[in-house]
Amino acid sequence: MKHVINFSGGLCSFWAAKRVVDEQGAANVTLLFADTLIEDADLYRFNEDAAAHLGVPITRLCEGRTPWQLFRDEGLIGNSKIPVCSIRLKREVLDKWHRENCLEMDTVIYIGMDWTEENRLARLRKEKPFWRFEAPMQHAPIWDKCRMVAETEALGIKVPRLYQMGFPHNNCGGRCVTAGISHWVHLYGLDRPAFMEWAIDERDTMKEFAARGITPLTILKDRRGGTVQNLSLFQLVDRIEAGEKFTRHDWGGCGCSVQYQDAA
């Protein structure tokens, strides 16, 4: 039996892998990492530390384009309704490797989902009924993210810096097209260069799309006043700098390797 962990570089996928290796041994385990080319530098350090601890090397996959290169090629900026970067750079890359390297009958694919995400696992199993998917962190002992942080530190492994900065995941350098406004406001306050890099990419891509006759969309939406309009990252900066207070509860969701039809 092959044991393949879709390894995102996050704590939940690490602990899923840890439980699999502790139970099954390392010999038939694969840590499968899909690189979007915009990951935080500390993610790669964490992956190396995790691989060394588990005794399993990282199998790195890469489609070859960054999200913004992809958006320009597709004529669409990814957003929570159409997370094209998640589809092309994560899901399709992982699925292709599964098809080429595994047989459905002798492979278990493990996902880093915790006890709050049973609905996502059920949806994934429904979408791909011929593969066996498991989520070890949904089984006892049940841990929350704080417990995962503490247990990681107890192993002598440094927790990825994005968690230390208060982000809920360790993907895409703290950027995510399915992230909510609270996430982006938080990023602006703690890592302005990362925020502004994407603000510039969004602005320049929208200009290019307009020149190509493509109606540009933005990552975020402004829903004030009962209407829905584009909200560019530069417009969000203006509102932040004007002193506007934002909700602290709109973090959105990041499920790059496992969210399917209803990605919104």
Protein backbone atom coordinates (compact mmCIF):
# COMPACT_ATOMS: atom_id res chain seq x y z
CA MET A 1 0.00 0.00 0.00
CA LYS A 2 1.27 3.46 -0.97
CA HIS A 3 0.67 6.39 1.36
CA VAL A 4 0.70 9.79 -0.38
CA ILE A 5 0.39 12.98 1.65
CA ASN A 6 -0.64 16.14 -0.18
CA PHE A 7 1.91 18.20 1.73
CA SER A 8 1.19 21.93 1.63
CA GLY A 9 3.91 23.14 3.97
CA GLY A 10 1.32 23.78 6.65
CA LEU A 11 1.03 22.43 10.17
CA CYS A 12 -2.03 20.28 9.57
CA SER A 13 -0.49 18.45 6.61
CA PHE A 14 2.72 18.00 8.61
CA TRP A 15 0.88 16.39 11.49
CA ALA A 16 -1.18 14.27 9.11
CA ALA A 17 2.12 13.04 7.67
CA LYS A 18 3.55 12.51 11.15
CA ARG A 19 0.64 10.29 12.14
CA VAL A 20 0.91 8.27 8.92
CA VAL A 21 4.66 7.74 9.29
CA ASP A 22 4.31 6.82 12.97
CA GLU A 23 1.68 4.23 12.07
CA GLN A 24 2.89 2.93 8.70
CA GLY A 25 6.61 3.66 8.69
CA ALA A 26 8.41 5.86 6.18
CA ALA A 27 9.17 3.30 3.47
CA ASN A 28 6.03 3.70 1.35
CA VAL A 29 5.23 7.34 2.18
CA THR A 30 5.44 10.22 -0.32
CA LEU A 31 5.29 13.89 0.70
CA LEU A 32 3.83 15.58 -2.37
CA PHE A 33 4.34 19.36 -2.51
CA ALA A 34 2.94 21.55 -5.32
CA ASP A 35 5.03 24.72 -5.53
CA THR A 36 3.28 27.89 -6.77
CA LEU A 37 6.62 29.76 -7.02
CA ILE A 38 5.40 32.50 -4.67
CA GLU A 39 5.75 30.67 -1.38
CA ASP A 40 7.21 32.30 1.70
CA ALA A 41 10.92 31.51 2.06
CA ASP A 42 10.26 30.04 5.49
CA LEU A 43 7.90 27.46 3.99
CA TYR A 44 10.83 25.82 2.22
CA ARG A 45 12.83 25.80 5.45
CA PHE A 46 9.90 24.19 7.27
CA ASN A 47 9.51 21.59 4.51
CA GLU A 48 13.17 20.64 4.86
CA ASP A 49 12.88 20.40 8.65
CA ALA A 50 9.68 18.36 8.37
CA ALA A 51 11.16 16.00 5.79
CA ALA A 52 14.25 15.45 7.94
CA HIS A 53 12.14 14.67 11.00
CA LEU A 54 9.85 12.29 9.11
CA GLY A 55 12.64 10.59 7.21
CA VAL A 56 10.82 11.17 3.91
CA PRO A 57 12.08 13.52 1.17
CA ILE A 58 9.82 16.15 -0.36
CA THR A 59 8.57 15.30 -3.85
CA ARG A 60 8.25 18.76 -5.42
CA LEU A 61 5.85 19.42 -8.27
CA CYS A 62 5.57 22.68 -10.20
CA GLU A 63 3.34 23.70 -13.10
CA GLY A 64 5.92 26.36 -14.04
CA ARG A 65 3.94 29.60 -13.84
CA THR A 66 3.33 32.01 -10.99
CA PRO A 67 -0.31 32.93 -10.26
CA TRP A 68 0.04 36.26 -12.07
CA GLN A 69 1.58 34.67 -15.14
CA LEU A 70 -1.33 32.24 -15.10
CA PHE A 71 -3.92 35.01 -14.69
CA ARG A 72 -2.57 36.85 -17.73
CA ASP A 73 -2.56 33.68 -19.81
CA GLU A 74 -6.11 32.80 -18.73
CA GLY A 75 -7.46 36.35 -19.09
CA LEU A 76 -8.83 36.19 -15.55
CA ILE A 77 -7.64 37.32 -12.13
CA GLY A 78 -8.34 34.56 -9.64
CA ASN A 79 -10.90 35.23 -6.92
CA SER A 80 -13.03 33.31 -4.43
CA LYS A 81 -15.58 32.40 -7.12
CA ILE A 82 -13.02 31.21 -9.67
CA PRO A 83 -9.72 30.33 -7.95
CA VAL A 84 -8.01 29.48 -11.22
CA CYS A 85 -4.56 29.44 -9.59
CA SER A 86 -5.73 26.77 -7.15
CA ILE A 87 -7.12 24.71 -10.02
CA ARG A 88 -4.15 24.94 -12.40
CA LEU A 89 -1.17 25.22 -10.04
CA LYS A 90 -2.27 22.88 -7.25
CA ARG A 91 -5.16 20.51 -7.97
CA GLU A 92 -4.38 19.58 -11.56
CA VAL A 93 -0.67 19.17 -10.80
CA LEU A 94 -1.36 16.89 -7.83
CA ASP A 95 -4.04 14.93 -9.69
CA LYS A 96 -1.73 14.34 -12.65
CA TRP A 97 0.97 12.92 -10.36
CA HIS A 98 -1.56 10.66 -8.65
CA ARG A 99 -2.75 9.29 -11.99
CA GLU A 100 0.76 8.71 -13.32
CA ASN A 101 2.35 7.26 -10.20
CA CYS A 102 -0.36 5.44 -8.26
CA LEU A 103 -3.01 2.82 -8.72
CA GLU A 104 -6.36 3.63 -7.16
CA MET A 105 -6.59 0.21 -5.55
CA ASP A 106 -3.29 0.36 -3.65
CA THR A 107 -2.95 4.03 -2.68
CA VAL A 108 -4.26 6.16 0.17
CA ILE A 109 -4.09 9.94 -0.30
CA TYR A 110 -3.91 11.92 2.92
CA ILE A 111 -5.12 15.50 3.30
CA GLY A 112 -4.21 18.07 5.94
CA MET A 113 -7.72 18.82 7.21
CA ASP A 114 -8.68 19.16 10.84
CA TRP A 115 -11.89 18.34 12.72
CA THR A 116 -13.62 21.53 11.50
CA GLU A 117 -13.36 20.44 7.86
CA GLU A 118 -15.33 17.20 7.69
CA ASN A 119 -17.58 18.75 5.04
CA ARG A 120 -14.59 19.40 2.77
CA LEU A 121 -13.41 15.80 3.06
CA ALA A 122 -16.90 14.51 2.26
CA ARG A 123 -17.06 16.78 -0.79
CA LEU A 124 -13.64 15.62 -1.98
CA ARG A 125 -14.63 11.96 -1.66
CA LYS A 126 -17.79 12.65 -3.63
CA GLU A 127 -15.86 14.42 -6.39
CA LYS A 128 -13.26 11.65 -6.68
CA PRO A 129 -14.96 8.41 -5.60
CA PHE A 130 -12.32 6.12 -7.12
CA TRP A 131 -9.54 7.40 -4.85
CA ARG A 132 -9.28 6.72 -1.14
CA PHE A 133 -8.86 9.95 0.82
CA GLU A 134 -8.14 10.16 4.54
CA ALA A 135 -7.62 13.06 6.95
CA PRO A 136 -5.70 11.81 10.00
CA MET A 137 -6.17 15.05 11.95
CA GLN A 138 -9.92 14.47 11.97
CA HIS A 139 -9.38 11.44 14.20
CA ALA A 140 -8.51 11.22 17.88
CA PRO A 141 -6.58 12.75 19.43
CA ILE A 142 -8.33 15.87 18.12
CA TRP A 143 -6.05 18.92 18.05
CA ASP A 144 -6.71 22.56 17.29
CA LYS A 145 -4.09 24.77 15.61
CA CYS A 146 -2.70 25.94 18.95
CA ARG A 147 -2.01 22.33 19.93
CA MET A 148 -0.30 21.72 16.58
CA VAL A 149 1.93 24.74 17.17
CA ALA A 150 2.87 23.55 20.66
CA GLU A 151 3.54 19.99 19.55
CA THR A 152 5.66 21.18 16.62
CA GLU A 153 7.77 23.30 18.91
CA ALA A 154 8.10 20.34 21.29
CA LEU A 155 9.72 18.40 18.45
CA GLY A 156 12.32 21.14 18.12
CA ILE A 157 10.94 22.31 14.75
CA LYS A 158 10.45 26.04 14.29
CA VAL A 159 6.87 26.93 13.40
CA PRO A 160 6.54 28.69 10.00
CA ARG A 161 6.65 32.45 10.39
CA LEU A 162 3.24 33.06 8.79
CA TYR A 163 1.58 31.23 11.69
CA GLN A 164 3.62 33.31 14.11
CA MET A 165 2.30 36.40 12.31
CA GLY A 166 -1.29 35.28 12.90
CA PHE A 167 -2.16 33.88 9.47
CA PRO A 168 -4.33 30.74 9.34
CA HIS A 169 -2.22 29.02 6.66
CA ASN A 170 1.32 28.90 5.27
CA ASN A 171 0.59 29.11 1.56
CA CYS A 172 1.47 31.55 -1.22
CA GLY A 173 3.52 33.87 0.96
CA GLY A 174 0.46 35.02 2.89
CA ARG A 175 -1.45 35.90 -0.29
CA CYS A 176 -4.52 33.99 -1.46
CA VAL A 177 -7.26 34.87 -3.94
CA THR A 178 -9.85 33.19 -1.71
CA ALA A 179 -8.76 35.19 1.34
CA GLY A 180 -11.22 37.68 2.80
CA ILE A 181 -10.76 41.35 3.55
CA SER A 182 -9.59 40.70 7.13
CA HIS A 183 -6.73 38.63 5.77
CA TRP A 184 -5.60 41.33 3.35
CA VAL A 185 -5.82 44.09 5.98
CA HIS A 186 -3.73 41.90 8.28
CA LEU A 187 -1.15 41.34 5.54
CA TYR A 188 -0.91 45.08 4.84
CA GLY A 189 -0.15 45.73 8.49
CA LEU A 190 2.47 43.01 8.91
CA ASP A 191 4.09 42.47 5.51
CA ARG A 192 3.50 45.54 3.38
CA PRO A 193 6.03 44.59 0.67
CA ALA A 194 4.19 41.31 0.04
CA PHE A 195 0.85 43.13 -0.10
CA MET A 196 2.15 45.84 -2.43
CA GLU A 197 3.75 43.34 -4.78
CA TRP A 198 0.31 41.86 -5.41
CA ALA A 199 -1.36 45.27 -5.52
CA ILE A 200 1.00 46.28 -8.34
CA ASP A 201 0.50 42.98 -10.16
CA GLU A 202 -3.27 43.37 -9.88
CA ARG A 203 -3.18 46.97 -11.15
CA ASP A 204 -0.91 46.15 -14.09
CA THR A 205 -2.89 43.04 -15.03
CA MET A 206 -6.16 44.98 -14.99
CA LYS A 207 -4.62 47.58 -17.33
CA GLU A 208 -3.44 44.82 -19.66
CA PHE A 209 -6.87 43.18 -19.65
CA ALA A 210 -8.59 46.47 -20.43
CA ALA A 211 -6.26 46.95 -23.40
CA ARG A 212 -7.13 43.42 -24.56
CA GLY A 213 -10.85 44.14 -24.29
CA ILE A 214 -11.29 41.92 -21.24
CA THR A 215 -13.54 43.17 -18.45
CA PRO A 216 -11.19 43.16 -15.46
CA LEU A 217 -12.15 41.62 -12.15
CA THR A 218 -10.40 42.10 -8.82
CA ILE A 219 -9.46 39.65 -6.08
CA LEU A 220 -11.73 41.37 -3.56
CA LYS A 221 -15.23 42.77 -3.82
CA ASP A 222 -16.79 45.86 -2.20
CA ARG A 223 -20.22 44.87 -0.88
CA ARG A 224 -21.09 48.07 0.93
CA GLY A 225 -24.48 49.60 0.29
CA GLY A 226 -26.04 46.37 -0.93
CA THR A 227 -24.17 46.31 -4.25
CA VAL A 228 -21.15 44.31 -5.36
CA GLN A 229 -18.30 46.13 -7.09
CA ASN A 230 -14.64 45.56 -7.79
CA LEU A 231 -12.33 46.41 -4.91
CA SER A 232 -8.71 46.62 -5.98
CA LEU A 233 -5.92 46.16 -3.48
CA PHE A 234 -4.87 49.78 -4.05
CA GLN A 235 -8.42 50.90 -3.22
CA LEU A 236 -8.22 48.83 -0.05
CA VAL A 237 -4.98 50.65 0.84
CA ASP A 238 -6.77 53.97 0.50
CA ARG A 239 -9.48 52.81 2.92
CA ILE A 240 -6.93 51.44 5.40
CA GLU A 241 -4.90 54.64 5.33
CA ALA A 242 -8.07 56.68 5.81
CA GLY A 243 -8.52 54.93 9.15
CA GLU A 244 -11.49 52.72 8.25
CA LYS A 245 -12.21 49.93 10.71
CA PHE A 246 -12.69 46.50 9.16
CA THR A 247 -14.29 43.31 10.39
CA ARG A 248 -11.90 40.85 12.00
CA HIS A 249 -13.89 37.82 10.94
CA ASP A 250 -13.71 37.78 7.12
CA TRP A 251 -10.62 35.60 6.60
CA GLY A 252 -11.97 33.63 3.68
CA GLY A 253 -10.72 30.13 3.04
CA CYS A 254 -7.67 28.50 1.52
CA GLY A 255 -8.13 24.96 0.22
CA CYS A 256 -5.91 24.84 -2.81
CA SER A 257 -5.45 21.13 -3.24
CA VAL A 258 -8.91 19.95 -2.21
CA GLN A 259 -11.66 22.51 -2.86
CA TYR A 260 -13.69 21.68 -5.93
CA GLN A 261 -16.97 22.80 -7.44
CA ASP A 262 -18.21 25.16 -4.74
CA ALA A 263 -14.91 26.95 -4.13
CA ALA A 264 -16.67 30.15 -3.06
